Every structure is written in C-alpha cells, then in structure tokens.
Amino acid sequence: MVRPVLIINSAAAAFKAKEILSLRGINSDIIKGSSKKQGCSYNLVVYADLDRAERIIRSSGILIMGRGEVRF
C-alpha cells in the first residue's frame, strides 16, 4: 500500500505537526525519511485530506519541505 506523506525537516517539527493535527481530529504517523534526496527528514503520514492537513500545518508556522509517498 502506498500512502502520501508530508516531508518535514526535523523530528521536533514533525511531532509538533502531529500534535496540531491531532487537536483537529486528524490522525497521523511519523516515520524517518529514508532517501538520500530527503536527507535528514521525517515523513508525516496523514490519514485524512492531505491538502487540509498541509494548510493547517503551514498556518501553524511549520516548514513543509514537500510531499512524497511511502510504501507499507
């Protein structure tokens, strides 16, 4: 199964984003980025509308490096 993710540049920012989404009733998980292209990054797997989640996170001042996909 392939899931879309938001790529975030630090563990602290990823956990903050996860908490912010949780307060809005959106479930998410954090996994360590694994590609050399992403460098030291964290993937936020969102189990809801990715566009909405991205807007919420960006409006909270958290930098999102981009989008990607992970295979489970």
PDB file of N, CA and C in Angstrom:
ATOM      1  N   MET A   1       0.843  -1.179   0.000  1.00  0.00           N
ATOM      2  CA  MET A   1       0.000   0.000   0.000  1.00  0.00           C
ATOM      3  C   MET A   1       0.890   1.244   0.000  1.00  0.00           C
ATOM      4  N   VAL A   2       0.569   2.192  -0.839  1.00  0.00           N
ATOM      5  CA  VAL A   2       1.318   3.447  -0.926  1.00  0.00           C
ATOM      6  C   VAL A   2       0.488   4.550  -0.279  1.00  0.00           C
ATOM      7  N   ARG A   3       1.133   5.325   0.585  1.00  0.00           N
ATOM      8  CA  ARG A   3       0.453   6.432   1.264  1.00  0.00           C
ATOM      9  C   ARG A   3       1.187   7.740   0.968  1.00  0.00           C
ATOM     10  N   PRO A   4       0.463   8.828   0.719  1.00  0.00           N
ATOM     11  CA  PRO A   4       1.113  10.123   0.546  1.00  0.00           C
ATOM     12  C   PRO A   4       1.587  10.654   1.900  1.00  0.00           C
ATOM     13  N   VAL A   5       2.684  11.411   1.875  1.00  0.00           N
ATOM     14  CA  VAL A   5       3.234  11.968   3.107  1.00  0.00           C
ATOM     15  C   VAL A   5       3.627  13.429   2.899  1.00  0.00           C
ATOM     16  N   LEU A   6       3.725  14.142   4.008  1.00  0.00           N
ATOM     17  CA  LEU A   6       4.317  15.472   4.027  1.00  0.00           C
ATOM     18  C   LEU A   6       5.720  15.317   4.589  1.00  0.00           C
ATOM     19  N   ILE A   7       6.704  15.936   3.943  1.00  0.00           N
ATOM     20  CA  ILE A   7       8.095  15.819   4.365  1.00  0.00           C
ATOM     21  C   ILE A   7       8.439  17.031   5.215  1.00  0.00           C
ATOM     22  N   ILE A   8       8.900  16.756   6.436  1.00  0.00           N
ATOM     23  CA  ILE A   8       9.211  17.803   7.408  1.00  0.00           C
ATOM     24  C   ILE A   8      10.671  17.656   7.808  1.00  0.00           C
ATOM     25  N   ASN A   9      11.354  18.789   8.047  1.00  0.00           N
ATOM     26  CA  ASN A   9      12.806  18.765   8.182  1.00  0.00           C
ATOM     27  C   ASN A   9      13.376  18.386   9.544  1.00  0.00           C
ATOM     28  N   SER A  10      12.577  18.238  10.567  1.00  0.00           N
ATOM     29  CA  SER A  10      13.133  17.857  11.874  1.00  0.00           C
ATOM     30  C   SER A  10      12.123  17.039  12.671  1.00  0.00           C
ATOM     31  N   ALA A  11      12.659  16.273  13.602  1.00  0.00           N
ATOM     32  CA  ALA A  11      11.800  15.452  14.455  1.00  0.00           C
ATOM     33  C   ALA A  11      10.881  16.329  15.306  1.00  0.00           C
ATOM     34  N   ALA A  12      11.439  17.393  15.865  1.00  0.00           N
ATOM     35  CA  ALA A  12      10.636  18.279  16.724  1.00  0.00           C
ATOM     36  C   ALA A  12       9.469  18.878  15.943  1.00  0.00           C
ATOM     37  N   ALA A  13       9.730  19.335  14.721  1.00  0.00           N
ATOM     38  CA  ALA A  13       8.669  19.915  13.900  1.00  0.00           C
ATOM     39  C   ALA A  13       7.636  18.858  13.511  1.00  0.00           C
ATOM     40  N   ALA A  14       8.098  17.647  13.234  1.00  0.00           N
ATOM     41  CA  ALA A  14       7.169  16.570  12.876  1.00  0.00           C
ATOM     42  C   ALA A  14       6.250  16.230  14.043  1.00  0.00           C
ATOM     43  N   PHE A  15       6.810  16.140  15.249  1.00  0.00           N
ATOM     44  CA  PHE A  15       5.975  15.833  16.413  1.00  0.00           C
ATOM     45  C   PHE A  15       5.008  16.970  16.726  1.00  0.00           C
ATOM     46  N   LYS A  16       5.460  18.213  16.519  1.00  0.00           N
ATOM     47  CA  LYS A  16       4.567  19.354  16.726  1.00  0.00           C
ATOM     48  C   LYS A  16       3.422  19.320  15.708  1.00  0.00           C
ATOM     49  N   ALA A  17       3.743  18.998  14.444  1.00  0.00           N
ATOM     50  CA  ALA A  17       2.718  18.906  13.401  1.00  0.00           C
ATOM     51  C   ALA A  17       1.721  17.804  13.731  1.00  0.00           C
ATOM     52  N   LYS A  18       2.220  16.665  14.191  1.00  0.00           N
ATOM     53  CA  LYS A  18       1.343  15.550  14.570  1.00  0.00           C
ATOM     54  C   LYS A  18       0.396  15.968  15.691  1.00  0.00           C
ATOM     55  N   GLU A  19       0.907  16.689  16.672  1.00  0.00           N
ATOM     56  CA  GLU A  19       0.077  17.149  17.787  1.00  0.00           C
ATOM     57  C   GLU A  19      -0.982  18.142  17.319  1.00  0.00           C
ATOM     58  N   ILE A  20      -0.591  19.069  16.453  1.00  0.00           N
ATOM     59  CA  ILE A  20      -1.531  20.064  15.929  1.00  0.00           C
ATOM     60  C   ILE A  20      -2.662  19.378  15.156  1.00  0.00           C
ATOM     61  N   LEU A  21      -2.305  18.400  14.330  1.00  0.00           N
ATOM     62  CA  LEU A  21      -3.329  17.677  13.581  1.00  0.00           C
ATOM     63  C   LEU A  21      -4.237  16.877  14.510  1.00  0.00           C
ATOM     64  N   SER A  22      -3.654  16.280  15.535  1.00  0.00           N
ATOM     65  CA  SER A  22      -4.434  15.509  16.498  1.00  0.00           C
ATOM     66  C   SER A  22      -5.487  16.383  17.181  1.00  0.00           C
ATOM     67  N   LEU A  23      -5.116  17.612  17.510  1.00  0.00           N
ATOM     68  CA  LEU A  23      -6.065  18.537  18.134  1.00  0.00           C
ATOM     69  C   LEU A  23      -7.225  18.873  17.196  1.00  0.00           C
ATOM     70  N   ARG A  24      -6.999  18.707  15.889  1.00  0.00           N
ATOM     71  CA  ARG A  24      -8.044  18.939  14.890  1.00  0.00           C
ATOM     72  C   ARG A  24      -8.764  17.652  14.496  1.00  0.00           C
ATOM     73  N   GLY A  25      -8.451  16.554  15.187  1.00  0.00           N
ATOM     74  CA  GLY A  25      -9.116  15.294  14.912  1.00  0.00           C
ATOM     75  C   GLY A  25      -8.562  14.539  13.708  1.00  0.00           C
ATOM     76  N   ILE A  26      -7.333  14.870  13.310  1.00  0.00           N
ATOM     77  CA  ILE A  26      -6.714  14.220  12.158  1.00  0.00           C
ATOM     78  C   ILE A  26      -5.625  13.275  12.646  1.00  0.00           C
ATOM     79  N   ASN A  27      -5.734  11.999  12.287  1.00  0.00           N
ATOM     80  CA  ASN A  27      -4.726  11.013  12.679  1.00  0.00           C
ATOM     81  C   ASN A  27      -3.536  11.069  11.738  1.00  0.00           C
ATOM     82  N   SER A  28      -2.341  10.865  12.312  1.00  0.00           N
ATOM     83  CA  SER A  28      -1.126  10.849  11.507  1.00  0.00           C
ATOM     84  C   SER A  28      -0.062  10.023  12.220  1.00  0.00           C
ATOM     85  N   ASP A  29       0.956   9.623  11.461  1.00  0.00           N
ATOM     86  CA  ASP A  29       2.099   8.899  11.996  1.00  0.00           C
ATOM     87  C   ASP A  29       3.375   9.532  11.459  1.00  0.00           C
ATOM     88  N   ILE A  30       4.458   9.344  12.189  1.00  0.00           N
ATOM     89  CA  ILE A  30       5.754   9.877  11.778  1.00  0.00           C
ATOM     90  C   ILE A  30       6.686   8.712  11.482  1.00  0.00           C
ATOM     91  N   ILE A  31       7.351   8.796  10.329  1.00  0.00           N
ATOM     92  CA  ILE A  31       8.395   7.823  10.030  1.00  0.00           C
ATOM     93  C   ILE A  31       9.627   8.573   9.522  1.00  0.00           C
ATOM     94  N   LYS A  32      10.788   8.052   9.826  1.00  0.00           N
ATOM     95  CA  LYS A  32      12.043   8.674   9.419  1.00  0.00           C
ATOM     96  C   LYS A  32      12.157   8.619   7.909  1.00  0.00           C
ATOM     97  N   GLY A  33      12.591   9.744   7.309  1.00  0.00           N
ATOM     98  CA  GLY A  33      12.844   9.764   5.872  1.00  0.00           C
ATOM     99  C   GLY A  33      13.988   8.825   5.546  1.00  0.00           C
ATOM    100  N   SER A  34      13.899   8.140   4.414  1.00  0.00           N
ATOM    101  CA  SER A  34      14.895   7.125   4.120  1.00  0.00           C
ATOM    102  C   SER A  34      15.713   7.375   2.866  1.00  0.00           C
ATOM    103  N   SER A  35      15.381   8.372   2.098  1.00  0.00           N
ATOM    104  CA  SER A  35      16.129   8.574   0.861  1.00  0.00           C
ATOM    105  C   SER A  35      17.225   9.615   1.046  1.00  0.00           C
ATOM    106  N   LYS A  36      18.293   9.470   0.289  1.00  0.00           N
ATOM    107  CA  LYS A  36      19.394  10.439   0.338  1.00  0.00           C
ATOM    108  C   LYS A  36      18.927  11.795  -0.152  1.00  0.00           C
ATOM    109  N   LYS A  37      17.965  11.796  -1.056  1.00  0.00           N
ATOM    110  CA  LYS A  37      17.420  13.040  -1.598  1.00  0.00           C
ATOM    111  C   LYS A  37      16.769  13.875  -0.500  1.00  0.00           C
ATOM    112  N   GLN A  38      16.081  13.208   0.437  1.00  0.00           N
ATOM    113  CA  GLN A  38      15.397  13.910   1.525  1.00  0.00           C
ATOM    114  C   GLN A  38      16.350  14.318   2.633  1.00  0.00           C
ATOM    115  N   GLY A  39      17.489  13.662   2.726  1.00  0.00           N
ATOM    116  CA  GLY A  39      18.432  13.960   3.800  1.00  0.00           C
ATOM    117  C   GLY A  39      17.835  13.611   5.151  1.00  0.00           C
ATOM    118  N   CYS A  40      18.150  14.406   6.151  1.00  0.00           N
ATOM    119  CA  CYS A  40      17.623  14.186   7.496  1.00  0.00           C
ATOM    120  C   CYS A  40      16.226  14.797   7.561  1.00  0.00           C
ATOM    121  N   SER A  41      15.225  13.983   7.307  1.00  0.00           N
ATOM    122  CA  SER A  41      13.858  14.484   7.300  1.00  0.00           C
ATOM    123  C   SER A  41      12.931  13.433   7.885  1.00  0.00           C
ATOM    124  N   TYR A  42      11.707  13.855   8.113  1.00  0.00           N
ATOM    125  CA  TYR A  42      10.694  12.975   8.689  1.00  0.00           C
ATOM    126  C   TYR A  42       9.450  13.058   7.828  1.00  0.00           C
ATOM    127  N   ASN A  43       8.836  11.905   7.608  1.00  0.00           N
ATOM    128  CA  ASN A  43       7.621  11.821   6.804  1.00  0.00           C
ATOM    129  C   ASN A  43       6.413  11.751   7.726  1.00  0.00           C
ATOM    130  N   LEU A  44       5.482  12.644   7.501  1.00  0.00           N
ATOM    131  CA  LEU A  44       4.245  12.654   8.268  1.00  0.00           C
ATOM    132  C   LEU A  44       3.163  12.009   7.410  1.00  0.00           C
ATOM    133  N   VAL A  45       2.769  10.797   7.781  1.00  0.00           N
ATOM    134  CA  VAL A  45       1.712  10.082   7.073  1.00  0.00           C
ATOM    135  C   VAL A  45       0.385  10.575   7.638  1.00  0.00           C
ATOM    136  N   VAL A  46      -0.453  11.137   6.775  1.00  0.00           N
ATOM    137  CA  VAL A  46      -1.719  11.721   7.211  1.00  0.00           C
ATOM    138  C   VAL A  46      -2.867  10.840   6.724  1.00  0.00           C
ATOM    139  N   TYR A  47      -3.742  10.458   7.648  1.00  0.00           N
ATOM    140  CA  TYR A  47      -4.883   9.590   7.327  1.00  0.00           C
ATOM    141  C   TYR A  47      -6.152  10.410   7.143  1.00  0.00           C
ATOM    142  N   ALA A  48      -6.043  11.453   6.329  1.00  0.00           N
ATOM    143  CA  ALA A  48      -7.174  12.338   6.034  1.00  0.00           C
ATOM    144  C   ALA A  48      -6.797  13.134   4.788  1.00  0.00           C
ATOM    145  N   ASP A  49      -7.527  14.179   4.519  1.00  0.00           N
ATOM    146  CA  ASP A  49      -7.264  15.038   3.364  1.00  0.00           C
ATOM    147  C   ASP A  49      -5.886  15.692   3.518  1.00  0.00           C
ATOM    148  N   LEU A  50      -4.951  15.336   2.642  1.00  0.00           N
ATOM    149  CA  LEU A  50      -3.576  15.831   2.734  1.00  0.00           C
ATOM    150  C   LEU A  50      -3.507  17.341   2.523  1.00  0.00           C
ATOM    151  N   ASP A  51      -4.300  17.877   1.615  1.00  0.00           N
ATOM    152  CA  ASP A  51      -4.306  19.322   1.376  1.00  0.00           C
ATOM    153  C   ASP A  51      -4.726  20.088   2.623  1.00  0.00           C
ATOM    154  N   ARG A  52      -5.764  19.617   3.283  1.00  0.00           N
ATOM    155  CA  ARG A  52      -6.242  20.265   4.512  1.00  0.00           C
ATOM    156  C   ARG A  52      -5.178  20.199   5.603  1.00  0.00           C
ATOM    157  N   ALA A  53      -4.574  19.029   5.759  1.00  0.00           N
ATOM    158  CA  ALA A  53      -3.531  18.862   6.770  1.00  0.00           C
ATOM    159  C   ALA A  53      -2.354  19.795   6.492  1.00  0.00           C
ATOM    160  N   GLU A  54      -1.973  19.911   5.229  1.00  0.00           N
ATOM    161  CA  GLU A  54      -0.856  20.793   4.875  1.00  0.00           C
ATOM    162  C   GLU A  54      -1.183  22.249   5.204  1.00  0.00           C
ATOM    163  N   ARG A  55      -2.401  22.679   4.896  1.00  0.00           N
ATOM    164  CA  ARG A  55      -2.805  24.061   5.223  1.00  0.00           C
ATOM    165  C   ARG A  55      -2.739  24.311   6.722  1.00  0.00           C
ATOM    166  N   ILE A  56      -3.229  23.365   7.511  1.00  0.00           N
ATOM    167  CA  ILE A  56      -3.229  23.513   8.970  1.00  0.00           C
ATOM    168  C   ILE A  56      -1.795  23.618   9.489  1.00  0.00           C
ATOM    169  N   ILE A  57      -0.926  22.750   9.012  1.00  0.00           N
ATOM    170  CA  ILE A  57       0.462  22.740   9.479  1.00  0.00           C
ATOM    171  C   ILE A  57       1.177  24.023   9.066  1.00  0.00           C
ATOM    172  N   ARG A  58       1.036  24.420   7.809  1.00  0.00           N
ATOM    173  CA  ARG A  58       1.699  25.650   7.342  1.00  0.00           C
ATOM    174  C   ARG A  58       1.195  26.872   8.103  1.00  0.00           C
ATOM    175  N   SER A  59      -0.097  26.917   8.394  1.00  0.00           N
ATOM    176  CA  SER A  59      -0.644  28.077   9.117  1.00  0.00           C
ATOM    177  C   SER A  59      -0.147  28.128  10.553  1.00  0.00           C
ATOM    178  N   SER A  60       0.394  27.017  11.032  1.00  0.00           N
ATOM    179  CA  SER A  60       0.974  26.976  12.377  1.00  0.00           C
ATOM    180  C   SER A  60       2.455  27.347  12.364  1.00  0.00           C
ATOM    181  N   GLY A  61       2.985  27.653  11.187  1.00  0.00           N
ATOM    182  CA  GLY A  61       4.365  28.106  11.077  1.00  0.00           C
ATOM    183  C   GLY A  61       5.399  26.998  10.921  1.00  0.00           C
ATOM    184  N   ILE A  62       4.952  25.786  10.648  1.00  0.00           N
ATOM    185  CA  ILE A  62       5.882  24.667  10.475  1.00  0.00           C
ATOM    186  C   ILE A  62       6.245  24.552   8.996  1.00  0.00           C
ATOM    187  N   LEU A  63       7.546  24.441   8.722  1.00  0.00           N
ATOM    188  CA  LEU A  63       8.036  24.331   7.359  1.00  0.00           C
ATOM    189  C   LEU A  63       7.810  22.920   6.825  1.00  0.00           C
ATOM    190  N   ILE A  64       7.179  22.830   5.672  1.00  0.00           N
ATOM    191  CA  ILE A  64       6.995  21.558   4.983  1.00  0.00           C
ATOM    192  C   ILE A  64       7.905  21.584   3.759  1.00  0.00           C
ATOM    193  N   MET A  65       8.798  20.597   3.677  1.00  0.00           N
ATOM    194  CA  MET A  65       9.779  20.564   2.594  1.00  0.00           C
ATOM    195  C   MET A  65       9.178  20.076   1.280  1.00  0.00           C
ATOM    196  N   GLY A  66       8.081  19.350   1.361  1.00  0.00           N
ATOM    197  CA  GLY A  66       7.445  18.840   0.156  1.00  0.00           C
ATOM    198  C   GLY A  66       6.519  17.689   0.460  1.00  0.00           C
ATOM    199  N   ARG A  67       6.180  16.986  -0.591  1.00  0.00           N
ATOM    200  CA  ARG A  67       5.306  15.820  -0.490  1.00  0.00           C
ATOM    201  C   ARG A  67       6.035  14.611  -1.064  1.00  0.00           C
ATOM    202  N   GLY A  68       5.594  13.460  -0.650  1.00  0.00           N
ATOM    203  CA  GLY A  68       6.173  12.242  -1.176  1.00  0.00           C
ATOM    204  C   GLY A  68       5.220  11.089  -0.961  1.00  0.00           C
ATOM    205  N   GLU A  69       5.740   9.890  -1.119  1.00  0.00           N
ATOM    206  CA  GLU A  69       4.950   8.674  -0.900  1.00  0.00           C
ATOM    207  C   GLU A  69       5.800   7.651  -0.168  1.00  0.00           C
ATOM    208  N   VAL A  70       5.161   6.870   0.672  1.00  0.00           N
ATOM    209  CA  VAL A  70       5.837   5.755   1.321  1.00  0.00           C
ATOM    210  C   VAL A  70       5.047   4.484   1.056  1.00  0.00           C
ATOM    211  N   ARG A  71       5.765   3.392   0.987  1.00  0.00           N
ATOM    212  CA  ARG A  71       5.142   2.099   0.744  1.00  0.00           C
ATOM    213  C   ARG A  71       5.159   1.299   2.056  1.00  0.00           C
ATOM    214  N   PHE A  72       3.991   0.787   2.439  1.00  0.00           N
ATOM    215  CA  PHE A  72       3.879  -0.024   3.654  1.00  0.00           C
ATOM    216  C   PHE A  72       3.801  -1.475   3.284  1.00  0.00           C
TER     217      PHE A  72
END
